[in-house]
Protein backbone atom coordinates (compact mmCIF):
# COMPACT_ATOMS: atom_id res chain seq x y z
CA MET A 1 -1.37 -58.10 -26.18
CA ILE A 2 1.47 -56.42 -28.13
CA SER A 3 -0.72 -56.48 -31.17
CA ARG A 4 -3.30 -54.67 -29.08
CA LEU A 5 -0.69 -52.51 -27.58
CA ILE A 6 1.16 -51.19 -31.24
CA VAL A 7 -2.76 -50.66 -32.79
CA ALA A 8 -2.83 -48.26 -29.93
CA ILE A 9 0.07 -46.35 -30.21
CA ALA A 10 -0.68 -46.32 -34.01
CA ILE A 11 -4.05 -44.95 -33.23
CA ALA A 12 -3.10 -42.23 -30.00
CA LEU A 13 0.18 -41.18 -32.99
CA PHE A 14 -2.72 -41.05 -35.50
CA PHE A 15 -4.95 -38.96 -34.09
CA SER A 16 -2.11 -36.79 -31.68
CA PRO A 17 -1.10 -34.00 -34.82
CA ALA A 18 -5.17 -32.72 -35.68
CA ALA A 19 -5.65 -32.72 -31.24
CA LEU A 20 -2.33 -29.70 -31.64
CA ILE A 21 -3.44 -28.00 -34.81
CA VAL A 22 -7.43 -27.79 -33.08
CA ALA A 23 -5.43 -26.92 -30.06
CA GLN A 24 -3.67 -24.24 -31.83
CA GLU A 25 -6.31 -22.55 -33.57
CA HIS A 26 -8.67 -22.36 -30.80
CA PRO A 27 -7.00 -22.22 -27.58
CA GLU A 28 -9.10 -21.95 -24.43
CA HIS A 29 -7.78 -19.16 -22.39
CA PRO A 30 -5.95 -16.49 -24.03
CA LYS A 31 -2.58 -15.35 -22.13
CA LYS A 32 -1.76 -11.95 -21.56
CA GLY A 33 -0.56 -10.51 -24.61
CA ALA A 34 -2.01 -13.27 -26.64
CA GLU A 35 -3.31 -11.36 -30.14
CA HIS A 36 -5.87 -9.36 -29.66
CA PRO A 37 -5.36 -7.56 -25.97
CA THR A 38 -8.16 -5.18 -24.28
CA LYS A 39 -7.10 -2.44 -23.11
CA SER A 40 -6.56 -3.53 -19.44
CA ALA A 41 -3.86 -5.32 -20.36
CA GLU A 42 -2.20 -2.16 -23.08
CA ALA A 43 -2.55 0.55 -20.47
CA LYS A 44 -0.16 0.66 -17.67
CA GLN A 45 -1.05 0.02 -14.76
CA VAL A 46 -0.11 3.27 -11.76
CA SER A 47 1.07 1.94 -8.11
CA THR A 48 0.82 3.98 -5.19
CA ALA A 49 4.16 3.89 -4.93
CA ASP A 50 4.67 5.57 -8.89
CA ILE A 51 2.45 8.18 -6.97
CA SER A 52 4.47 8.91 -4.83
CA ALA A 53 7.56 9.10 -6.96
CA GLY A 54 5.82 11.02 -9.34
CA ILE A 55 4.88 13.21 -6.68
CA LYS A 56 8.61 13.85 -5.40
CA THR A 57 10.15 14.26 -9.08
CA ASN A 58 7.88 16.36 -9.60
CA ILE A 59 8.94 18.46 -6.16
CA GLU A 60 12.62 18.29 -6.41
CA THR A 61 12.42 19.50 -10.30
CA GLN A 62 10.43 22.66 -10.15
CA SER A 63 12.75 23.14 -7.22
CA LYS A 64 16.09 22.92 -9.15
CA LYS A 65 14.05 25.13 -10.89
CA SER A 66 13.55 27.97 -8.85
CA SER A 67 16.54 30.17 -7.82
CA ASP A 68 16.11 29.63 -4.09
CA GLY A 69 15.93 25.94 -4.21
CA LYS A 70 12.35 26.22 -3.27
CA PHE A 71 9.32 24.37 -4.01
CA HIS A 72 6.53 27.24 -4.87
CA VAL A 73 2.98 27.33 -4.43
CA LYS A 74 0.61 31.02 -5.09
CA HIS A 75 -1.47 30.90 -2.20
CA GLU A 76 -4.44 33.78 -1.54
CA GLY A 77 -2.06 36.23 -3.89
CA GLN A 78 1.50 35.58 -2.54
CA ASP A 79 3.80 32.78 -3.20
CA LEU A 80 5.03 30.12 -0.67
CA ALA A 81 8.71 28.97 -0.91
CA LEU A 82 8.15 25.23 0.53
CA ASP A 83 10.42 22.58 1.17
CA LEU A 84 9.15 18.83 1.54
CA ILE A 85 8.45 17.53 4.63
CA ARG A 86 6.57 14.07 3.18
CA VAL A 87 4.55 12.78 0.91
CA HIS A 88 0.98 11.06 2.37
CA ASP A 89 1.86 7.44 1.79
CA ASP A 90 -1.48 6.58 3.09
CA ARG A 91 -3.52 8.77 1.00
CA LEU A 92 -2.70 8.35 -2.40
CA SER A 93 -5.40 7.55 -4.43
CA ASP A 94 -5.70 6.88 -8.26
CA LEU A 95 -9.13 8.90 -9.51
CA GLY A 96 -10.34 6.97 -12.23
CA GLY A 97 -9.79 8.19 -15.77
CA GLY A 98 -5.44 8.21 -15.65
CA LYS A 99 -6.17 10.73 -12.33
CA TYR A 100 -4.19 10.54 -9.73
CA PHE A 101 -4.55 12.82 -5.79
CA ALA A 102 -1.82 12.49 -3.97
CA CYS A 103 -1.04 15.21 -0.57
CA VAL A 104 2.01 16.40 1.20
CA ASP A 105 3.23 18.38 4.12
CA MET A 106 5.13 21.09 3.01
CA LYS A 107 7.29 23.49 5.29
CA ALA A 108 7.32 27.22 4.55
CA THR A 109 10.24 30.12 4.99
CA ASP A 110 7.80 31.18 7.61
CA GLY A 111 7.76 28.36 9.89
CA LYS A 112 4.64 26.80 9.32
CA THR A 113 3.44 23.88 8.02
CA TYR A 114 1.23 23.19 5.04
CA ASP A 115 -0.47 20.10 3.63
CA ILE A 116 -0.84 20.45 -0.16
CA ASP A 117 -3.03 18.60 -2.92
CA PHE A 118 -1.79 16.85 -5.83
CA PHE A 119 -3.45 15.90 -8.76
CA LEU A 120 -1.71 14.12 -11.09
CA THR A 121 -2.19 12.45 -15.12
CA GLY A 122 0.21 9.83 -16.81
CA GLN A 123 1.73 6.47 -16.69
CA PRO A 124 4.61 5.36 -14.58
CA GLY A 125 7.91 6.99 -15.26
CA LYS A 126 6.20 9.86 -16.84
CA MET A 127 2.98 11.25 -13.94
CA LYS A 128 2.26 15.34 -14.11
CA VAL A 129 1.20 17.84 -11.58
CA THR A 130 -2.40 19.32 -13.08
CA GLU A 131 -3.15 21.85 -9.94
CA THR A 132 -1.67 22.13 -6.85
CA SER A 133 -3.76 23.73 -3.68
CA VAL A 134 -3.52 24.59 -0.62
CA HIS A 135 -5.83 22.58 1.77
CA LYS A 136 -4.33 23.00 5.64
CA ILE A 137 -2.20 25.67 7.01
CA ASP A 138 -0.55 24.42 10.33
CA GLY A 139 -3.42 22.04 10.73
CA LYS A 140 -5.86 23.69 10.06
CA PRO A 141 -8.15 22.99 7.18
CA LEU A 142 -9.17 25.36 4.16
CA TYR A 143 -12.24 22.92 2.74
CA ASN A 144 -13.14 19.74 3.59
CA TRP A 145 -14.03 16.41 0.31
CA LYS A 146 -17.30 16.07 -0.03
CA GLU A 147 -18.18 12.77 -2.83
CA GLU A 148 -21.66 13.44 -5.15
CA ASN A 149 -22.66 11.16 -7.38
CA GLY A 150 -19.27 9.65 -7.52
CA LYS A 151 -17.50 12.25 -7.66
CA TRP A 152 -15.60 14.12 -5.32
CA HIS A 153 -15.97 17.97 -5.25
CA LYS A 154 -14.60 20.94 -2.57
CA VAL A 155 -16.57 22.12 -0.06
CA PRO A 156 -16.01 25.21 2.24
CA THR A 157 -15.42 24.33 6.01
CA SER A 158 -18.06 25.22 8.79
């Protein structure tokens, strides 16, 4: 019985180094960050929290640059001086292709509330605003959104 045990251990020890070499050369389940990462592993995921932080940072940065400490948006030839009320965290969206959408409420010096749509690009901590537009004034929409062939377009209100 002891001789069988010794033979079994010897055989196991003889084959175990070869098994380790084969396992190292041909892993069954590559791990993230392995030798050949995919594009999705290389790209950082942008969360809604990143989008929210990006829009808040942009508004804060632009406000600090202005002489009156307000965020400025052009609308129908008029310069609107605005203060942030809130970011609509429930409407933050990843549009795909490295583009993101954020919607915020802002209060103007004239007392009106403006709903501003922002489009952003970039990675977490480095979000850049590419477009802004006034979507609503005191809750009244100036345009709506309509999806056509997988793309969203502004359409006039009826």
